[in-house]
C-alpha atoms as a PDB file:
ATOM      1  CA  MET A   1     -10.122   1.880  -3.551  1.00  0.00           C
ATOM      2  CA  ASP A   2      -9.844   3.906  -6.740  1.00  0.00           C
ATOM      3  CA  LEU A   3      -7.174   6.309  -8.035  1.00  0.00           C
ATOM      4  CA  LYS A   4      -9.218   9.414  -7.256  1.00  0.00           C
ATOM      5  CA  ARG A   5      -9.534   8.442  -3.591  1.00  0.00           C
ATOM      6  CA  ALA A   6      -5.871   7.422  -3.415  1.00  0.00           C
ATOM      7  CA  SER A   7      -4.889  10.887  -4.704  1.00  0.00           C
ATOM      8  CA  GLN A   8      -7.158  12.522  -2.114  1.00  0.00           C
ATOM      9  CA  ILE A   9      -5.521  10.506   0.663  1.00  0.00           C
ATOM     10  CA  ILE A  10      -2.035  11.489  -0.525  1.00  0.00           C
ATOM     11  CA  SER A  11      -3.033  15.178  -0.504  1.00  0.00           C
ATOM     12  CA  SER A  12      -4.889  15.034   2.810  1.00  0.00           C
ATOM     13  CA  PRO A  13      -3.432  16.780   5.867  1.00  0.00           C
ATOM     14  CA  LYS A  14      -4.984  13.989   7.962  1.00  0.00           C
ATOM     15  CA  GLU A  15      -3.352  10.608   8.383  1.00  0.00           C
ATOM     16  CA  ILE A  16      -5.731   8.111   6.798  1.00  0.00           C
ATOM     17  CA  GLU A  17      -5.188   4.432   7.435  1.00  0.00           C
ATOM     18  CA  VAL A  18      -4.738   2.331   4.284  1.00  0.00           C
ATOM     19  CA  THR A  19      -3.983  -1.377   4.182  1.00  0.00           C
ATOM     20  CA  TYR A  20      -2.894  -3.901   1.570  1.00  0.00           C
ATOM     21  CA  HIS A  21      -4.079  -7.408   2.498  1.00  0.00           C
ATOM     22  CA  GLY A  22      -4.168  -6.288   6.141  1.00  0.00           C
ATOM     23  CA  VAL A  23      -0.712  -4.668   6.109  1.00  0.00           C
ATOM     24  CA  PRO A  24      -0.620  -0.896   6.800  1.00  0.00           C
ATOM     25  CA  VAL A  25       0.861   1.130   3.920  1.00  0.00           C
ATOM     26  CA  ARG A  26       1.602   4.815   3.273  1.00  0.00           C
ATOM     27  CA  LEU A  27       0.575   6.080  -0.160  1.00  0.00           C
ATOM     28  CA  ILE A  28       3.267   7.980  -2.073  1.00  0.00           C
ATOM     29  CA  HIS A  29       2.219   8.388  -5.716  1.00  0.00           C
ATOM     30  CA  THR A  30      -0.535   7.305  -8.124  1.00  0.00           C
ATOM     31  CA  ASN A  31      -0.032   6.160 -11.719  1.00  0.00           C
ATOM     32  CA  GLN A  32      -3.138   6.551 -13.900  1.00  0.00           C
ATOM     33  CA  LYS A  33      -1.648   4.679 -16.862  1.00  0.00           C
ATOM     34  CA  THR A  34      -1.110   1.477 -14.875  1.00  0.00           C
ATOM     35  CA  ASN A  35      -3.856   1.995 -12.247  1.00  0.00           C
ATOM     36  CA  THR A  36      -1.290   1.501  -9.484  1.00  0.00           C
ATOM     37  CA  VAL A  37      -0.092   3.292  -6.360  1.00  0.00           C
ATOM     38  CA  SER A  38       3.464   3.516  -5.026  1.00  0.00           C
ATOM     39  CA  VAL A  39       3.485   2.786  -1.301  1.00  0.00           C
ATOM     40  CA  LYS A  40       5.805   2.341   1.673  1.00  0.00           C
ATOM     41  CA  THR A  41       5.187  -0.383   4.231  1.00  0.00           C
ATOM     42  CA  ASP A  42       7.902   0.765   6.650  1.00  0.00           C
ATOM     43  CA  PRO A  43       8.352   4.485   7.439  1.00  0.00           C
ATOM     44  CA  ASN A  44      12.007   3.820   8.358  1.00  0.00           C
ATOM     45  CA  SER A  45      12.821   2.257   4.995  1.00  0.00           C
ATOM     46  CA  ASN A  46      13.308   3.686   1.514  1.00  0.00           C
ATOM     47  CA  ASP A  47      11.735   0.580  -0.051  1.00  0.00           C
ATOM     48  CA  ILE A  48       8.761   1.385  -2.256  1.00  0.00           C
ATOM     49  CA  MET A  49       6.243  -1.119  -3.618  1.00  0.00           C
ATOM     50  CA  VAL A  50       3.925  -0.575  -6.591  1.00  0.00           C
ATOM     51  CA  LEU A  51       0.491  -2.062  -5.951  1.00  0.00           C
ATOM     52  CA  PRO A  52      -2.831  -2.308  -7.814  1.00  0.00           C
ATOM     53  CA  VAL A  53      -5.055   0.442  -6.434  1.00  0.00           C
ATOM     54  CA  GLU A  54      -8.120  -1.805  -6.281  1.00  0.00           C
ATOM     55  CA  GLU A  55      -6.368  -4.053  -3.739  1.00  0.00           C
ATOM     56  CA  LEU A  56      -5.937  -1.204  -1.217  1.00  0.00           C
ATOM     57  CA  GLU A  57      -8.475  -0.703   1.565  1.00  0.00           C
ATOM     58  CA  GLU A  58      -9.174   2.514   3.422  1.00  0.00           C
ATOM     59  CA  GLY A  59      -9.502   2.500   7.187  1.00  0.00           C
ATOM     60  CA  GLU A  60     -10.187   5.342   9.582  1.00  0.00           C
ATOM     61  CA  SER A  61      -8.628   8.803   9.552  1.00  0.00           C
ATOM     62  CA  ARG A  62      -6.538  10.110  12.427  1.00  0.00           C
ATOM     63  CA  GLU A  63      -5.913  13.749  13.294  1.00  0.00           C
END
């Protein structure tokens, strides 16, 4: 994935599946300076991870 697509997914009204090494993640914020994306792995947690954008994979979108 690249930062442009990650930003599009964040802004999308659709829920688009994204995974990090097979683990579903929710994209929160992109950082162009470090080429990373802040993500959540658990919707019930406030824990945020910062991951390299190129290691994220896009799945299918859901309405």
